[in-house]
PDB file of N, CA and C in Angstrom:
ATOM      1  N   MET A   1       0.059  -8.863  -6.618  1.00  0.00           N
ATOM      2  CA  MET A   1      -0.257  -7.239  -6.457  1.00  0.00           C
ATOM      3  C   MET A   1      -1.116  -7.329  -5.153  1.00  0.00           C
ATOM      4  N   ASP A   2      -0.881  -6.540  -4.344  1.00  0.00           N
ATOM      5  CA  ASP A   2      -1.724  -6.396  -3.080  1.00  0.00           C
ATOM      6  C   ASP A   2      -3.271  -5.639  -3.168  1.00  0.00           C
ATOM      7  N   VAL A   3      -3.937  -6.117  -2.670  1.00  0.00           N
ATOM      8  CA  VAL A   3      -5.266  -5.405  -2.666  1.00  0.00           C
ATOM      9  C   VAL A   3      -5.258  -3.817  -2.457  1.00  0.00           C
ATOM     10  N   LEU A   4      -5.917  -2.667  -3.462  1.00  0.00           N
ATOM     11  CA  LEU A   4      -5.308  -1.283  -2.966  1.00  0.00           C
ATOM     12  C   LEU A   4      -6.608  -0.959  -3.233  1.00  0.00           C
ATOM     13  N   SER A   5      -7.376  -1.336  -1.787  1.00  0.00           N
ATOM     14  CA  SER A   5      -9.030  -0.498  -2.160  1.00  0.00           C
ATOM     15  C   SER A   5      -9.079   0.664  -1.628  1.00  0.00           C
ATOM     16  N   ASP A   6      -7.876   1.559  -1.024  1.00  0.00           N
ATOM     17  CA  ASP A   6      -7.893   3.081  -0.915  1.00  0.00           C
ATOM     18  C   ASP A   6      -7.289   3.740  -1.961  1.00  0.00           C
ATOM     19  N   LYS A   7      -6.549   2.920  -2.783  1.00  0.00           N
ATOM     20  CA  LYS A   7      -5.724   3.804  -3.272  1.00  0.00           C
ATOM     21  C   LYS A   7      -6.076   3.762  -5.238  1.00  0.00           C
ATOM     22  N   LYS A   8      -5.996   4.789  -5.506  1.00  0.00           N
ATOM     23  CA  LYS A   8      -6.367   4.758  -7.172  1.00  0.00           C
ATOM     24  C   LYS A   8      -5.141   4.643  -7.796  1.00  0.00           C
ATOM     25  N   VAL A   9      -5.028   4.582  -9.531  1.00  0.00           N
ATOM     26  CA  VAL A   9      -4.230   4.300 -10.493  1.00  0.00           C
ATOM     27  C   VAL A   9      -4.594   6.043 -11.063  1.00  0.00           C
ATOM     28  N   THR A  10      -3.665   6.777 -11.315  1.00  0.00           N
ATOM     29  CA  THR A  10      -3.388   8.052 -12.138  1.00  0.00           C
ATOM     30  C   THR A  10      -3.209   7.877 -13.388  1.00  0.00           C
ATOM     31  N   ARG A  11      -2.032   7.152 -13.245  1.00  0.00           N
ATOM     32  CA  ARG A  11      -1.741   6.699 -14.643  1.00  0.00           C
ATOM     33  C   ARG A  11      -0.702   5.822 -14.945  1.00  0.00           C
ATOM     34  N   LEU A  12      -0.166   5.372 -16.186  1.00  0.00           N
ATOM     35  CA  LEU A  12       0.677   4.206 -16.174  1.00  0.00           C
ATOM     36  C   LEU A  12       2.223   4.842 -16.700  1.00  0.00           C
ATOM     37  N   ILE A  13       2.670   4.567 -15.883  1.00  0.00           N
ATOM     38  CA  ILE A  13       4.070   5.252 -16.270  1.00  0.00           C
ATOM     39  C   ILE A  13       5.070   4.644 -17.189  1.00  0.00           C
ATOM     40  N   ALA A  14       5.055   3.403 -16.954  1.00  0.00           N
ATOM     41  CA  ALA A  14       6.191   2.487 -17.641  1.00  0.00           C
ATOM     42  C   ALA A  14       5.419   0.840 -18.136  1.00  0.00           C
ATOM     43  N   THR A  15       5.773   0.625 -19.414  1.00  0.00           N
ATOM     44  CA  THR A  15       5.839  -0.874 -19.796  1.00  0.00           C
ATOM     45  C   THR A  15       6.738  -1.575 -20.813  1.00  0.00           C
ATOM     46  N   GLN A  16       7.090  -2.526 -20.114  1.00  0.00           N
ATOM     47  CA  GLN A  16       8.028  -3.308 -20.784  1.00  0.00           C
ATOM     48  C   GLN A  16       7.771  -4.746 -20.698  1.00  0.00           C
ATOM     49  N   GLY A  17       7.773  -5.777 -21.924  1.00  0.00           N
ATOM     50  CA  GLY A  17       7.268  -6.976 -21.798  1.00  0.00           C
ATOM     51  C   GLY A  17       6.290  -6.911 -20.707  1.00  0.00           C
ATOM     52  N   MET A  18       6.609  -7.807 -19.655  1.00  0.00           N
ATOM     53  CA  MET A  18       5.271  -8.137 -18.974  1.00  0.00           C
ATOM     54  C   MET A  18       5.279  -7.658 -17.660  1.00  0.00           C
ATOM     55  N   THR A  19       5.830  -6.123 -17.701  1.00  0.00           N
ATOM     56  CA  THR A  19       6.105  -5.519 -16.623  1.00  0.00           C
ATOM     57  C   THR A  19       5.315  -4.204 -16.715  1.00  0.00           C
ATOM     58  N   ARG A  20       4.096  -4.014 -15.664  1.00  0.00           N
ATOM     59  CA  ARG A  20       3.811  -2.406 -16.019  1.00  0.00           C
ATOM     60  C   ARG A  20       4.109  -1.565 -14.351  1.00  0.00           C
ATOM     61  N   VAL A  21       4.186  -0.162 -14.356  1.00  0.00           N
ATOM     62  CA  VAL A  21       4.629   0.479 -13.631  1.00  0.00           C
ATOM     63  C   VAL A  21       3.427   1.672 -13.482  1.00  0.00           C
ATOM     64  N   TYR A  22       2.727   1.553 -12.606  1.00  0.00           N
ATOM     65  CA  TYR A  22       1.022   2.690 -12.172  1.00  0.00           C
ATOM     66  C   TYR A  22       2.003   3.510 -10.983  1.00  0.00           C
ATOM     67  N   GLU A  23       1.202   4.921 -11.433  1.00  0.00           N
ATOM     68  CA  GLU A  23       1.109   5.755 -10.445  1.00  0.00           C
ATOM     69  C   GLU A  23       0.173   5.628  -9.587  1.00  0.00           C
ATOM     70  N   MET A  24       0.066   6.137  -8.280  1.00  0.00           N
ATOM     71  CA  MET A  24      -1.299   5.751  -7.705  1.00  0.00           C
ATOM     72  C   MET A  24      -1.676   7.187  -7.135  1.00  0.00           C
ATOM     73  N   ASP A  25      -2.593   7.607  -6.479  1.00  0.00           N
ATOM     74  CA  ASP A  25      -2.756   8.866  -6.377  1.00  0.00           C
ATOM     75  C   ASP A  25      -2.083   9.609  -5.239  1.00  0.00           C
ATOM     76  N   ASP A  26      -1.885   8.859  -4.480  1.00  0.00           N
ATOM     77  CA  ASP A  26      -0.991   8.992  -3.457  1.00  0.00           C
ATOM     78  C   ASP A  26       0.703   9.547  -3.692  1.00  0.00           C
ATOM     79  N   GLY A  27       0.995   9.614  -4.801  1.00  0.00           N
ATOM     80  CA  GLY A  27       2.309   9.436  -5.399  1.00  0.00           C
ATOM     81  C   GLY A  27       3.186   8.562  -5.615  1.00  0.00           C
ATOM     82  N   THR A  28       2.689   7.440  -4.940  1.00  0.00           N
ATOM     83  CA  THR A  28       3.800   6.248  -4.731  1.00  0.00           C
ATOM     84  C   THR A  28       3.500   5.537  -6.170  1.00  0.00           C
ATOM     85  N   TRP A  29       4.243   4.856  -6.408  1.00  0.00           N
ATOM     86  CA  TRP A  29       4.672   3.716  -7.641  1.00  0.00           C
ATOM     87  C   TRP A  29       4.235   2.215  -7.477  1.00  0.00           C
ATOM     88  N   LEU A  30       3.201   1.775  -8.198  1.00  0.00           N
ATOM     89  CA  LEU A  30       3.403   0.384  -8.165  1.00  0.00           C
ATOM     90  C   LEU A  30       3.513  -0.567  -9.195  1.00  0.00           C
ATOM     91  N   THR A  31       4.580  -1.525  -9.414  1.00  0.00           N
ATOM     92  CA  THR A  31       5.131  -2.539 -10.275  1.00  0.00           C
ATOM     93  C   THR A  31       4.185  -3.257 -10.316  1.00  0.00           C
ATOM     94  N   ALA A  32       3.566  -4.380 -11.431  1.00  0.00           N
ATOM     95  CA  ALA A  32       2.988  -5.138 -11.520  1.00  0.00           C
ATOM     96  C   ALA A  32       3.771  -6.153 -12.671  1.00  0.00           C
ATOM     97  N   ARG A  33       4.422  -7.457 -11.895  1.00  0.00           N
ATOM     98  CA  ARG A  33       5.274  -8.414 -13.352  1.00  0.00           C
ATOM     99  C   ARG A  33       4.571  -9.340 -13.211  1.00  0.00           C
ATOM    100  N   GLU A  34       5.156 -10.050 -14.535  1.00  0.00           N
ATOM    101  CA  GLU A  34       4.464 -11.642 -14.581  1.00  0.00           C
ATOM    102  C   GLU A  34       3.022 -11.589 -15.001  1.00  0.00           C
ATOM    103  N   GLY A  35       2.140 -12.745 -14.818  1.00  0.00           N
ATOM    104  CA  GLY A  35       1.230 -12.968 -14.882  1.00  0.00           C
ATOM    105  C   GLY A  35       0.265 -12.769 -16.137  1.00  0.00           C
ATOM    106  N   THR A  36      -0.957 -12.924 -16.249  1.00  0.00           N
ATOM    107  CA  THR A  36      -1.521 -12.576 -17.878  1.00  0.00           C
ATOM    108  C   THR A  36      -1.365 -11.155 -18.114  1.00  0.00           C
ATOM    109  N   VAL A  37      -1.655 -10.711 -19.156  1.00  0.00           N
ATOM    110  CA  VAL A  37      -2.029  -9.597 -19.685  1.00  0.00           C
ATOM    111  C   VAL A  37      -3.511  -9.228 -19.009  1.00  0.00           C
ATOM    112  N   ALA A  38      -4.298  -9.928 -19.252  1.00  0.00           N
ATOM    113  CA  ALA A  38      -5.986  -9.711 -18.386  1.00  0.00           C
ATOM    114  C   ALA A  38      -5.595  -9.221 -16.730  1.00  0.00           C
ATOM    115  N   TRP A  39      -4.257  -9.924 -15.952  1.00  0.00           N
ATOM    116  CA  TRP A  39      -3.681  -9.397 -14.469  1.00  0.00           C
ATOM    117  C   TRP A  39      -3.238  -8.148 -14.481  1.00  0.00           C
ATOM    118  N   ARG A  40      -2.214  -7.994 -15.545  1.00  0.00           N
ATOM    119  CA  ARG A  40      -1.496  -6.883 -15.455  1.00  0.00           C
ATOM    120  C   ARG A  40      -2.277  -5.546 -15.745  1.00  0.00           C
ATOM    121  N   ASN A  41      -3.022  -5.555 -16.935  1.00  0.00           N
ATOM    122  CA  ASN A  41      -3.770  -4.478 -16.950  1.00  0.00           C
ATOM    123  C   ASN A  41      -4.923  -4.400 -16.257  1.00  0.00           C
ATOM    124  N   ASN A  42      -5.872  -4.903 -15.720  1.00  0.00           N
ATOM    125  CA  ASN A  42      -6.798  -5.035 -14.817  1.00  0.00           C
ATOM    126  C   ASN A  42      -6.466  -3.837 -13.046  1.00  0.00           C
ATOM    127  N   ASN A  43      -7.294  -2.806 -13.823  1.00  0.00           N
ATOM    128  CA  ASN A  43      -6.759  -1.621 -13.206  1.00  0.00           C
ATOM    129  C   ASN A  43      -7.900  -0.928 -13.001  1.00  0.00           C
ATOM    130  N   PRO A  44      -8.778  -1.198 -11.968  1.00  0.00           N
ATOM    131  CA  PRO A  44     -10.175  -0.382 -11.761  1.00  0.00           C
ATOM    132  C   PRO A  44      -9.552   1.166 -11.933  1.00  0.00           C
ATOM    133  N   GLY A  45      -8.848   1.408 -11.704  1.00  0.00           N
ATOM    134  CA  GLY A  45      -8.517   3.122 -11.243  1.00  0.00           C
ATOM    135  C   GLY A  45      -8.107   3.579 -12.888  1.00  0.00           C
ATOM    136  N   MET A  46      -8.364   2.656 -13.631  1.00  0.00           N
ATOM    137  CA  MET A  46      -7.631   3.639 -15.187  1.00  0.00           C
ATOM    138  C   MET A  46      -9.304   3.218 -15.823  1.00  0.00           C
ATOM    139  N   ARG A  47     -10.297   3.030 -15.426  1.00  0.00           N
ATOM    140  CA  ARG A  47     -10.925   2.889 -16.293  1.00  0.00           C
ATOM    141  C   ARG A  47     -12.044   3.800 -16.026  1.00  0.00           C
ATOM    142  N   ALA A  48     -12.855   4.307 -17.194  1.00  0.00           N
ATOM    143  CA  ALA A  48     -13.649   5.253 -17.382  1.00  0.00           C
ATOM    144  C   ALA A  48     -14.930   5.312 -16.929  1.00  0.00           C
ATOM    145  N   THR A  49     -15.608   6.104 -16.293  1.00  0.00           N
ATOM    146  CA  THR A  49     -17.063   5.550 -15.389  1.00  0.00           C
ATOM    147  C   THR A  49     -17.706   6.539 -16.207  1.00  0.00           C
ATOM    148  N   ALA A  50     -19.114   6.115 -16.271  1.00  0.00           N
ATOM    149  CA  ALA A  50     -19.936   6.849 -17.205  1.00  0.00           C
ATOM    150  C   ALA A  50     -20.606   7.827 -15.719  1.00  0.00           C
ATOM    151  N   SER A  51     -20.692   9.059 -16.438  1.00  0.00           N
ATOM    152  CA  SER A  51     -21.629  10.161 -15.206  1.00  0.00           C
ATOM    153  C   SER A  51     -22.982  10.740 -15.942  1.00  0.00           C
TER     154      SER A  51
END
């Protein structure tokens, strides 16, 4: 997966086995395949932040 410093994940579109498809804030989709569960699910855009 490329580093996405300027994009944020808005939602998880699909999950099947070792594949995750995320929708980014600009409307594009990002597919994460293979790797560990921690790697596929490591998604700073999906984390809640304290305010």
